[in-house]
Amino acid sequence: MIAAPLATLLHPLVGADDPLYANGVNWVVVLIDVVKVVVAFGALLVSVMLMIWFERKVISDMQSRIGPNRAGPFGIAQTLADGIKLFFKEDLRPDRADPFVFKLAPYLAIIPAFLAFAIVPIGGLVTIAGHTFELQVADPPQGILWLLAMSSVAVYGVMLAGWSSGSKYPLLGAVRASAQMISYEAALGMTVVTVVLVTGSLSTRAIVDAQAAHFWQWNAIRLVVVPFLIFFVAIVAETNRPPFDLVEAESELVGGFHTEYSSIRFALFFLAEFMNTITMSAVTVTLFFGGPDGPIPHIPHTEWLWPIVWFLAKTIVFLFVFVWLRAALPRLRYDQLMDLGWKRLIPLSLAWLLMVAGYLVDGWWGVGLSATVVVCAVLITRAFAVGATRQEGRAILPPVGVRPDRVAAGLLVVDRAGMTRLTAGEHGGPEGASGAPPTASTASSAATEGRGGGS
């Protein structure tokens, strides 16, 4: 009775090309869909647990430490123990927090991470009980748009968590998160559009199939690596991973947007961060490295298994790179974060998109657009160079905390980084009135006075 209308409803949502729906929808098809959802969610949760253990062990090895080694063999159950501990800790809520939004924010952070993973193909075709289906929760024709939508919705969890906490540090972390994700979302989106242009489809399965012939058909190679590098930097910033973890900089904001969270609500944010890392690594493999495609040995009854092995192997490589970046790079300053996003990645991704579109239309179009991009790049680079050499003294407003009267009198000098330092005249000569060079304490007290601390 309900098979026909249900089939009509499901086809555009989960993929009309999925062989599972070739003969309509019945209770077996619905059961297979439910099982796929449950298995994908369970596998993602287990992957998060293993990823946390993997990160702690790799970083400890890089720092000549042992890492977790108490709970379970090689400490592999340490994450499970931590999760159980967080589950039974006291759940606190600040008095000034918005009760509903404060409780809603963790779920807005974790749900988009799982929904984005739903469109990732992790294997080929599998036949069970006469039903052939793809190892993928859903393959909608607009799958890439779904991915971009979920990555955009995820920012609301972080933003609302900081806003609803009723505290200054979480609010600062939320504002940082909003600016950071908007900045890098533009570059990420343009690199995804570049992949869609060369593939001709928004379906993730079609994008994988377009790279299946040979490894040199991978989009990372076809697009000459640059879009892949831009995409990877953008997803590191989108997932708030080091060196882009400015939204929870513990040296500045205590804990950032989740400062006021505890117990299971804090664990949900922790879970969402690592789930996003796994999801985005899987998406990178799908868009640029052929997804589950790879050589399949002629071993009977294992043809369905090898695509899963190749997919996991590629994903683990990118998860290791995430950990490597965390262990190797210091946190960026916020101005460096914004400069990289707006002055480097967005212009470069837009230029590459135009050149790819030109070559797809015609070779001469590509040459013309490439020449135009080079000219624009020279002009933009020159404009940035002129802006960087501009003296702070020519600014309309002085740097924060600097007394204009002392700068005008020549007693303080403001360098290009906005830092103040004493001039020779402040000490009565090149080495001060006593003939000795100024000490650190003298310079510190004078700089404090320059920030308004003097009488």
Protein backbone atom coordinates (compact mmCIF):
# COMPACT_ATOMS: atom_id res chain seq x y z
CA MET A 1 0.00 0.00 0.00
CA ILE A 2 2.66 2.50 1.00
CA ALA A 3 5.50 1.11 -1.14
CA ALA A 4 4.90 3.29 -4.19
CA PRO A 5 4.58 6.69 -2.44
CA LEU A 6 7.45 5.79 -0.10
CA ALA A 7 9.65 4.91 -3.08
CA THR A 8 8.75 8.18 -4.76
CA LEU A 9 9.71 10.06 -1.60
CA LEU A 10 12.99 8.22 -0.97
CA HIS A 11 14.44 8.22 -4.49
CA PRO A 12 15.44 11.91 -4.65
CA LEU A 13 16.61 11.85 -1.02
CA VAL A 14 18.85 8.78 -0.90
CA GLY A 15 19.74 8.36 -4.58
CA ALA A 16 17.72 7.19 -7.56
CA ASP A 17 20.75 5.29 -8.93
CA ASP A 18 21.11 3.09 -5.84
CA PRO A 19 20.30 -0.48 -6.95
CA LEU A 20 18.60 -1.08 -3.60
CA TYR A 21 15.57 0.89 -4.84
CA ALA A 22 15.48 -0.55 -8.36
CA ASN A 23 12.46 -2.74 -7.60
CA GLY A 24 10.63 -0.37 -5.29
CA VAL A 25 10.55 -0.13 -1.53
CA ASN A 26 9.37 -2.85 0.84
CA TRP A 27 10.03 -3.74 4.46
CA VAL A 28 13.32 -5.46 3.58
CA VAL A 29 14.62 -2.32 1.89
CA VAL A 30 13.58 -0.20 4.86
CA LEU A 31 15.27 -2.67 7.22
CA ILE A 32 18.50 -2.50 5.20
CA ASP A 33 18.40 1.30 5.39
CA VAL A 34 17.91 1.22 9.15
CA VAL A 35 20.77 -1.25 9.57
CA LYS A 36 23.06 0.94 7.43
CA VAL A 37 22.29 3.97 9.59
CA VAL A 38 22.86 2.10 12.85
CA VAL A 39 26.09 0.48 11.62
CA ALA A 40 27.44 3.77 10.28
CA PHE A 41 26.68 5.57 13.54
CA GLY A 42 28.22 2.79 15.64
CA ALA A 43 31.30 2.60 13.42
CA LEU A 44 31.74 6.36 13.67
CA LEU A 45 31.53 6.29 17.47
CA VAL A 46 34.07 3.46 17.68
CA SER A 47 36.29 5.35 15.22
CA VAL A 48 36.19 8.40 17.47
CA MET A 49 37.28 6.30 20.44
CA LEU A 50 40.15 4.81 18.46
CA MET A 51 41.10 8.21 17.01
CA ILE A 52 41.48 9.74 20.47
CA TRP A 53 43.68 6.82 21.54
CA PHE A 54 45.65 7.05 18.29
CA GLU A 55 46.27 10.77 18.72
CA ARG A 56 47.43 10.42 22.32
CA LYS A 57 49.79 7.56 21.47
CA VAL A 58 51.28 9.26 18.39
CA ILE A 59 51.86 12.57 20.15
CA SER A 60 53.36 10.83 23.18
CA ASP A 61 55.73 8.94 20.88
CA MET A 62 56.73 12.17 19.14
CA GLN A 63 57.44 13.72 22.55
CA SER A 64 59.31 10.66 23.89
CA ARG A 65 56.53 9.77 26.34
CA ILE A 66 54.62 6.55 26.92
CA GLY A 67 51.06 7.81 26.63
CA PRO A 68 48.00 5.89 27.87
CA ASN A 69 48.96 2.36 28.89
CA ARG A 70 46.78 1.42 31.88
CA ALA A 71 43.25 0.73 30.65
CA GLY A 72 43.19 -2.21 28.26
CA PRO A 73 45.98 -3.51 26.04
CA PHE A 74 48.27 -0.64 24.98
CA GLY A 75 45.86 1.72 26.77
CA ILE A 76 43.25 1.31 24.03
CA ALA A 77 40.36 1.40 26.54
CA GLN A 78 41.48 4.70 28.08
CA THR A 79 39.03 6.69 25.95
CA LEU A 80 36.17 4.45 27.06
CA ALA A 81 37.18 4.97 30.69
CA ASP A 82 37.29 8.74 30.19
CA GLY A 83 33.85 8.68 28.59
CA ILE A 84 32.35 6.73 31.47
CA LYS A 85 33.92 9.16 33.94
CA LEU A 86 32.50 12.18 32.10
CA PHE A 87 29.07 10.57 31.93
CA PHE A 88 28.87 10.34 35.73
CA LYS A 89 30.35 13.75 36.54
CA GLU A 90 28.09 16.51 37.82
CA ASP A 91 26.37 18.51 35.10
CA LEU A 92 26.64 22.23 35.87
CA ARG A 93 24.85 25.20 34.34
CA PRO A 94 25.74 28.85 35.04
CA ASP A 95 23.04 31.03 36.59
CA ARG A 96 23.13 33.51 33.68
CA ALA A 97 23.00 30.84 30.98
CA ASP A 98 20.06 30.46 28.65
CA PRO A 99 18.75 27.03 29.74
CA PHE A 100 17.29 25.83 26.43
CA VAL A 101 20.05 27.04 24.11
CA PHE A 102 22.77 25.97 26.56
CA LYS A 103 21.46 22.38 26.42
CA LEU A 104 20.76 22.46 22.68
CA ALA A 105 24.22 23.64 21.53
CA PRO A 106 26.14 20.35 22.05
CA TYR A 107 23.66 18.49 19.85
CA LEU A 108 23.93 21.13 17.12
CA ALA A 109 27.67 20.44 17.13
CA ILE A 110 27.58 16.64 16.97
CA ILE A 111 24.59 15.90 14.73
CA PRO A 112 25.92 17.67 11.59
CA ALA A 113 29.17 15.70 11.87
CA PHE A 114 27.30 12.40 11.57
CA LEU A 115 24.90 13.66 8.88
CA ALA A 116 27.84 14.81 6.75
CA PHE A 117 29.39 11.33 7.02
CA ALA A 118 26.17 9.77 5.69
CA ILE A 119 27.01 10.70 2.08
CA VAL A 120 30.55 9.28 2.14
CA PRO A 121 30.95 6.04 0.10
CA ILE A 122 33.10 3.65 2.13
CA GLY A 123 32.93 0.66 -0.23
CA GLY A 124 31.48 -0.74 -3.43
CA LEU A 125 28.38 -2.84 -4.06
CA VAL A 126 27.34 -5.60 -1.65
CA THR A 127 24.64 -8.24 -2.14
CA ILE A 128 22.82 -9.68 0.88
CA ALA A 129 19.73 -11.91 0.63
CA GLY A 130 19.29 -11.03 -3.02
CA HIS A 131 19.40 -7.27 -2.41
CA THR A 132 22.32 -5.31 -3.89
CA PHE A 133 23.15 -1.96 -2.31
CA GLU A 134 25.98 0.53 -1.95
CA LEU A 135 28.11 0.70 1.20
CA GLN A 136 26.93 4.22 1.81
CA VAL A 137 24.11 5.47 4.00
CA ALA A 138 22.71 7.71 1.25
CA ASP A 139 23.75 8.94 -2.17
CA PRO A 140 21.50 11.90 -2.97
CA PRO A 141 22.06 13.65 -6.31
CA GLN A 142 22.86 16.86 -4.39
CA GLY A 143 25.28 15.18 -1.96
CA ILE A 144 27.96 17.89 -2.10
CA LEU A 145 25.37 20.56 -1.26
CA TRP A 146 24.39 18.43 1.74
CA LEU A 147 28.03 18.37 2.84
CA LEU A 148 28.37 22.15 2.59
CA ALA A 149 25.07 22.65 4.42
CA MET A 150 26.12 20.43 7.33
CA SER A 151 29.53 22.10 7.64
CA SER A 152 27.75 25.45 7.80
CA VAL A 153 25.22 24.31 10.40
CA ALA A 154 28.00 23.01 12.66
CA VAL A 155 29.12 26.57 13.45
CA TYR A 156 25.80 27.22 15.20
CA GLY A 157 26.63 24.70 17.91
CA VAL A 158 29.87 26.47 18.78
CA MET A 159 28.39 29.96 18.42
CA LEU A 160 25.30 29.27 20.51
CA ALA A 161 27.34 27.46 23.17
CA GLY A 162 29.43 30.57 23.73
CA TRP A 163 26.50 32.97 23.52
CA SER A 164 24.22 31.02 25.87
CA SER A 165 26.85 30.49 28.61
CA GLY A 166 26.42 34.00 30.00
CA SER A 167 30.17 34.44 30.36
CA LYS A 168 32.73 36.62 28.58
CA TYR A 169 35.35 34.02 27.65
CA PRO A 170 32.90 31.62 25.98
CA LEU A 171 31.39 34.57 24.11
CA LEU A 172 34.81 35.58 22.79
CA GLY A 173 35.39 31.99 21.70
CA ALA A 174 32.02 31.95 19.91
CA VAL A 175 32.80 35.20 18.06
CA ARG A 176 36.16 33.79 17.02
CA ALA A 177 34.50 30.59 15.82
CA SER A 178 31.98 32.48 13.70
CA ALA A 179 34.61 34.63 12.01
CA GLN A 180 36.99 31.72 11.50
CA MET A 181 34.45 29.33 9.99
CA ILE A 182 32.96 31.97 7.69
CA SER A 183 36.45 32.93 6.51
CA TYR A 184 37.50 29.41 5.60
CA GLU A 185 34.09 28.24 4.40
CA ALA A 186 34.48 30.41 1.30
CA ALA A 187 37.78 28.83 0.26
CA LEU A 188 36.48 25.35 1.06
CA GLY A 189 33.36 25.92 -1.02
CA MET A 190 35.28 27.13 -4.08
CA THR A 191 37.59 24.11 -4.04
CA VAL A 192 34.55 21.83 -3.85
CA VAL A 193 33.03 23.68 -6.83
CA THR A 194 36.28 23.03 -8.72
CA VAL A 195 35.87 19.29 -8.10
CA VAL A 196 32.23 19.43 -9.19
CA LEU A 197 33.24 21.19 -12.42
CA VAL A 198 35.69 18.49 -13.51
CA THR A 199 33.34 15.69 -12.41
CA GLY A 200 30.07 17.06 -13.71
CA SER A 201 28.01 15.81 -10.77
CA LEU A 202 27.09 16.70 -7.20
CA SER A 203 26.83 13.03 -6.20
CA THR A 204 29.70 11.71 -4.09
CA ARG A 205 29.38 8.27 -5.72
CA ALA A 206 29.70 9.87 -9.17
CA ILE A 207 32.77 11.80 -8.00
CA VAL A 208 34.37 8.52 -6.85
CA ASP A 209 33.47 6.77 -10.11
CA ALA A 210 35.05 9.58 -12.13
CA GLN A 211 38.40 8.85 -10.41
CA ALA A 212 38.20 5.05 -10.63
CA ALA A 213 40.07 4.36 -13.89
CA HIS A 214 43.66 5.08 -12.78
CA PHE A 215 45.33 6.82 -9.88
CA TRP A 216 46.36 9.70 -12.14
CA GLN A 217 42.64 10.36 -12.56
CA TRP A 218 42.42 11.31 -8.89
CA ASN A 219 41.22 14.90 -8.59
CA ALA A 220 44.26 15.80 -6.48
CA ILE A 221 46.43 15.08 -9.55
CA ARG A 222 44.02 16.24 -12.26
CA LEU A 223 43.66 19.63 -10.56
CA VAL A 224 47.43 19.94 -9.95
CA VAL A 225 47.35 19.55 -6.14
CA VAL A 226 46.52 23.20 -5.35
CA PRO A 227 42.75 22.77 -4.71
CA PHE A 228 43.51 19.78 -2.48
CA LEU A 229 45.99 21.79 -0.41
CA ILE A 230 43.52 24.67 -0.05
CA PHE A 231 40.74 22.26 0.89
CA PHE A 232 42.87 20.52 3.51
CA VAL A 233 43.98 23.76 5.16
CA ALA A 234 40.36 24.94 5.16
CA ILE A 235 39.05 21.77 6.83
CA VAL A 236 41.76 21.96 9.50
CA ALA A 237 40.47 25.46 10.29
CA GLU A 238 36.82 24.35 10.01
CA THR A 239 37.34 21.56 12.53
CA ASN A 240 39.15 23.91 14.96
CA ARG A 241 42.20 21.69 14.97
CA PRO A 242 45.71 23.00 15.78
CA PRO A 243 47.26 25.25 14.62
CA PHE A 244 43.85 26.88 14.05
CA ASP A 245 42.30 26.16 17.46
CA LEU A 246 41.86 29.84 18.34
CA VAL A 247 38.25 29.31 19.47
CA GLU A 248 39.40 27.37 22.55
CA ALA A 249 42.84 28.87 23.15
CA GLU A 250 43.42 27.88 26.77
CA SER A 251 46.18 30.47 27.23
CA GLU A 252 43.74 33.28 26.34
CA LEU A 253 40.13 32.12 26.80
CA VAL A 254 40.39 29.46 29.57
CA GLY A 255 38.54 26.87 27.48
CA GLY A 256 36.88 28.99 24.83
CA PHE A 257 33.28 28.36 23.87
CA HIS A 258 32.91 25.28 26.12
CA THR A 259 34.41 26.83 29.29
CA GLU A 260 31.12 26.56 31.22
CA TYR A 261 30.29 23.02 30.07
CA SER A 262 30.92 19.90 32.12
CA SER A 263 30.01 16.23 32.28
CA ILE A 264 28.30 14.68 29.27
CA ARG A 265 27.68 18.02 27.53
CA PHE A 266 31.41 18.72 27.45
CA ALA A 267 31.94 15.16 26.21
CA LEU A 268 29.57 15.84 23.30
CA PHE A 269 31.69 18.79 22.16
CA PHE A 270 34.80 16.65 22.53
CA LEU A 271 33.11 13.89 20.53
CA ALA A 272 31.97 16.33 17.84
CA GLU A 273 35.50 17.65 17.30
CA PHE A 274 36.98 14.22 16.68
CA MET A 275 33.96 13.08 14.68
CA ASN A 276 34.38 16.11 12.43
CA THR A 277 38.05 15.23 12.01
CA ILE A 278 37.18 11.71 10.86
CA THR A 279 34.34 12.91 8.63
CA MET A 280 36.46 15.55 6.92
CA SER A 281 39.33 13.10 6.39
CA ALA A 282 36.85 10.74 4.73
CA VAL A 283 35.46 13.58 2.61
CA THR A 284 39.00 14.51 1.51
CA VAL A 285 39.61 10.93 0.39
CA THR A 286 36.28 10.94 -1.47
CA LEU A 287 36.80 14.23 -3.31
CA PHE A 288 40.49 14.02 -4.18
CA PHE A 289 41.84 10.47 -3.80
CA GLY A 290 39.29 8.15 -5.35
CA GLY A 291 37.45 7.16 -2.18
CA PRO A 292 37.36 3.35 -1.80
CA ASP A 293 38.87 2.65 -5.21
CA GLY A 294 42.14 0.76 -5.45
CA PRO A 295 43.69 -2.48 -6.75
CA ILE A 296 41.61 -5.58 -5.94
CA PRO A 297 43.53 -8.88 -5.71
CA HIS A 298 41.87 -11.92 -7.27
CA ILE A 299 41.00 -13.65 -4.02
CA PRO A 300 37.63 -15.42 -4.02
CA HIS A 301 34.86 -13.90 -1.89
CA THR A 302 36.94 -10.84 -0.86
CA GLU A 303 36.07 -8.44 -3.70
CA TRP A 304 33.66 -6.53 -1.46
CA LEU A 305 36.27 -6.16 1.32
CA TRP A 306 39.16 -4.53 -0.54
CA PRO A 307 37.40 -1.19 -1.28
CA ILE A 308 36.76 -0.84 2.47
CA VAL A 309 40.44 -1.58 3.19
CA TRP A 310 41.61 1.05 0.69
CA PHE A 311 39.17 3.61 2.07
CA LEU A 312 40.32 3.04 5.65
CA ALA A 313 43.99 3.14 4.68
CA LYS A 314 43.64 6.47 2.89
CA THR A 315 41.58 7.95 5.72
CA ILE A 316 44.11 6.88 8.37
CA VAL A 317 46.85 8.69 6.45
CA PHE A 318 44.98 11.97 6.75
CA LEU A 319 44.13 11.34 10.39
CA PHE A 320 47.86 10.92 11.02
CA VAL A 321 48.51 14.24 9.27
CA PHE A 322 45.98 15.92 11.59
CA VAL A 323 47.86 14.54 14.59
CA TRP A 324 51.22 15.45 13.07
CA LEU A 325 50.13 19.07 12.60
CA ARG A 326 48.98 19.24 16.22
CA ALA A 327 52.32 17.95 17.48
CA ALA A 328 54.53 20.01 15.18
CA LEU A 329 53.02 23.48 14.72
CA PRO A 330 52.42 26.25 17.25
CA ARG A 331 49.08 28.03 17.39
CA LEU A 332 48.70 30.93 14.96
CA ARG A 333 47.89 34.45 16.06
CA TYR A 334 44.40 35.55 15.16
CA ASP A 335 45.60 38.13 12.63
CA GLN A 336 47.68 35.43 10.92
CA LEU A 337 44.61 33.19 10.83
CA MET A 338 42.51 35.87 9.14
CA ASP A 339 45.30 36.88 6.74
CA LEU A 340 45.74 33.29 5.59
CA GLY A 341 42.03 32.87 4.96
CA TRP A 342 41.14 36.18 3.31
CA LYS A 343 44.41 37.24 1.66
CA ARG A 344 45.78 33.87 0.56
CA LEU A 345 43.30 31.01 0.36
CA ILE A 346 40.21 32.81 -0.98
CA PRO A 347 42.02 34.62 -3.86
CA LEU A 348 43.98 31.48 -4.75
CA SER A 349 40.94 29.21 -4.73
CA LEU A 350 38.94 31.69 -6.83
CA ALA A 351 41.80 32.04 -9.32
CA TRP A 352 42.17 28.27 -9.66
CA LEU A 353 38.42 27.86 -10.12
CA LEU A 354 38.44 30.40 -12.96
CA MET A 355 41.39 28.73 -14.68
CA VAL A 356 39.84 25.25 -14.43
CA ALA A 357 36.53 26.56 -15.78
CA GLY A 358 38.35 28.25 -18.67
CA TYR A 359 40.24 25.11 -19.70
CA LEU A 360 37.05 23.05 -19.51
CA VAL A 361 35.38 25.45 -21.97
CA ASP A 362 38.30 25.74 -24.39
CA GLY A 363 42.09 25.77 -24.31
CA TRP A 364 42.33 29.42 -25.42
CA TRP A 365 39.80 30.43 -22.79
CA GLY A 366 42.01 28.76 -20.23
CA VAL A 367 45.13 30.56 -21.48
CA GLY A 368 43.34 33.92 -21.43
CA LEU A 369 41.97 33.42 -17.93
CA SER A 370 45.35 32.19 -16.72
CA ALA A 371 47.00 35.37 -18.01
CA THR A 372 44.29 37.47 -16.36
CA VAL A 373 44.77 35.63 -13.08
CA VAL A 374 48.54 36.22 -13.17
CA VAL A 375 48.06 39.96 -13.75
CA CYS A 376 45.51 40.19 -10.94
CA ALA A 377 47.80 38.21 -8.64
CA VAL A 378 50.66 40.65 -9.26
CA LEU A 379 48.42 43.64 -8.55
CA ILE A 380 46.94 42.10 -5.38
CA THR A 381 50.37 41.07 -4.12
CA ARG A 382 51.66 44.58 -4.69
CA ALA A 383 48.66 46.06 -2.88
CA PHE A 384 49.27 43.78 0.12
CA ALA A 385 52.96 44.70 0.13
CA VAL A 386 52.17 48.42 0.16
CA GLY A 387 49.70 47.92 3.00
CA ALA A 388 52.24 45.92 5.01
CA THR A 389 54.89 48.65 4.77
CA ARG A 390 52.56 51.39 5.97
CA GLN A 391 53.77 52.94 9.22
CA GLU A 392 51.60 52.70 12.29
CA GLY A 393 52.12 56.40 12.92
CA ARG A 394 50.06 57.19 9.83
CA ALA A 395 47.04 55.35 11.18
CA ILE A 396 43.94 57.34 12.08
CA LEU A 397 43.82 55.84 15.58
CA PRO A 398 46.89 54.88 17.66
CA PRO A 399 47.34 51.28 18.86
CA VAL A 400 45.34 50.35 21.93
CA GLY A 401 46.99 51.42 25.19
CA VAL A 402 49.49 53.85 23.66
CA ARG A 403 49.54 57.44 24.93
CA PRO A 404 49.68 59.73 21.87
CA ASP A 405 51.37 62.51 23.86
CA ARG A 406 54.36 60.31 24.69
CA VAL A 407 54.63 59.13 21.09
CA ALA A 408 54.47 62.73 19.84
CA ALA A 409 57.15 63.75 22.33
CA GLY A 410 59.44 61.03 21.01
CA LEU A 411 59.54 59.15 24.32
CA LEU A 412 57.88 56.01 22.91
CA VAL A 413 58.20 54.40 19.52
CA VAL A 414 55.51 52.14 18.06
CA ASP A 415 56.95 49.49 15.75
CA ARG A 416 55.15 47.81 12.85
CA ALA A 417 53.87 45.03 15.10
CA GLY A 418 52.09 47.58 17.30
CA MET A 419 54.53 47.12 20.22
CA THR A 420 55.88 50.08 22.17
CA ARG A 421 59.51 50.58 23.15
CA LEU A 422 61.47 53.35 24.84
CA THR A 423 63.58 55.77 22.87
CA ALA A 424 67.09 56.84 23.83
CA GLY A 425 65.77 60.22 25.00
CA GLU A 426 63.61 58.54 27.65
CA HIS A 427 66.80 57.43 29.45
CA GLY A 428 68.71 60.67 28.98
CA GLY A 429 70.99 59.35 26.26
CA PRO A 430 71.90 56.24 24.35
CA GLU A 431 72.62 54.40 27.60
CA GLY A 432 70.44 56.35 30.01
CA ALA A 433 71.41 59.06 32.46
CA SER A 434 73.70 56.76 34.45
CA GLY A 435 75.57 55.55 31.39
CA ALA A 436 74.20 52.03 31.79
CA PRO A 437 71.87 50.40 29.29
CA PRO A 438 68.19 50.34 30.30
CA THR A 439 67.22 47.23 32.25
CA ALA A 440 64.28 44.96 31.54
CA SER A 441 62.45 46.18 34.64
CA THR A 442 62.92 49.82 33.58
CA ALA A 443 61.63 49.10 30.11
CA SER A 444 58.72 47.12 31.51
CA SER A 445 57.66 49.89 33.89
CA ALA A 446 57.97 52.51 31.17
CA ALA A 447 55.97 50.38 28.76
CA THR A 448 53.31 49.96 31.46
CA GLU A 449 53.22 53.72 31.88
CA GLY A 450 52.90 54.03 28.10
CA ARG A 451 49.81 51.83 28.24
CA GLY A 452 48.21 54.20 30.70
CA GLY A 453 49.49 52.67 33.94
CA GLY A 454 51.64 55.69 34.91
CA SER A 455 50.50 58.65 36.92
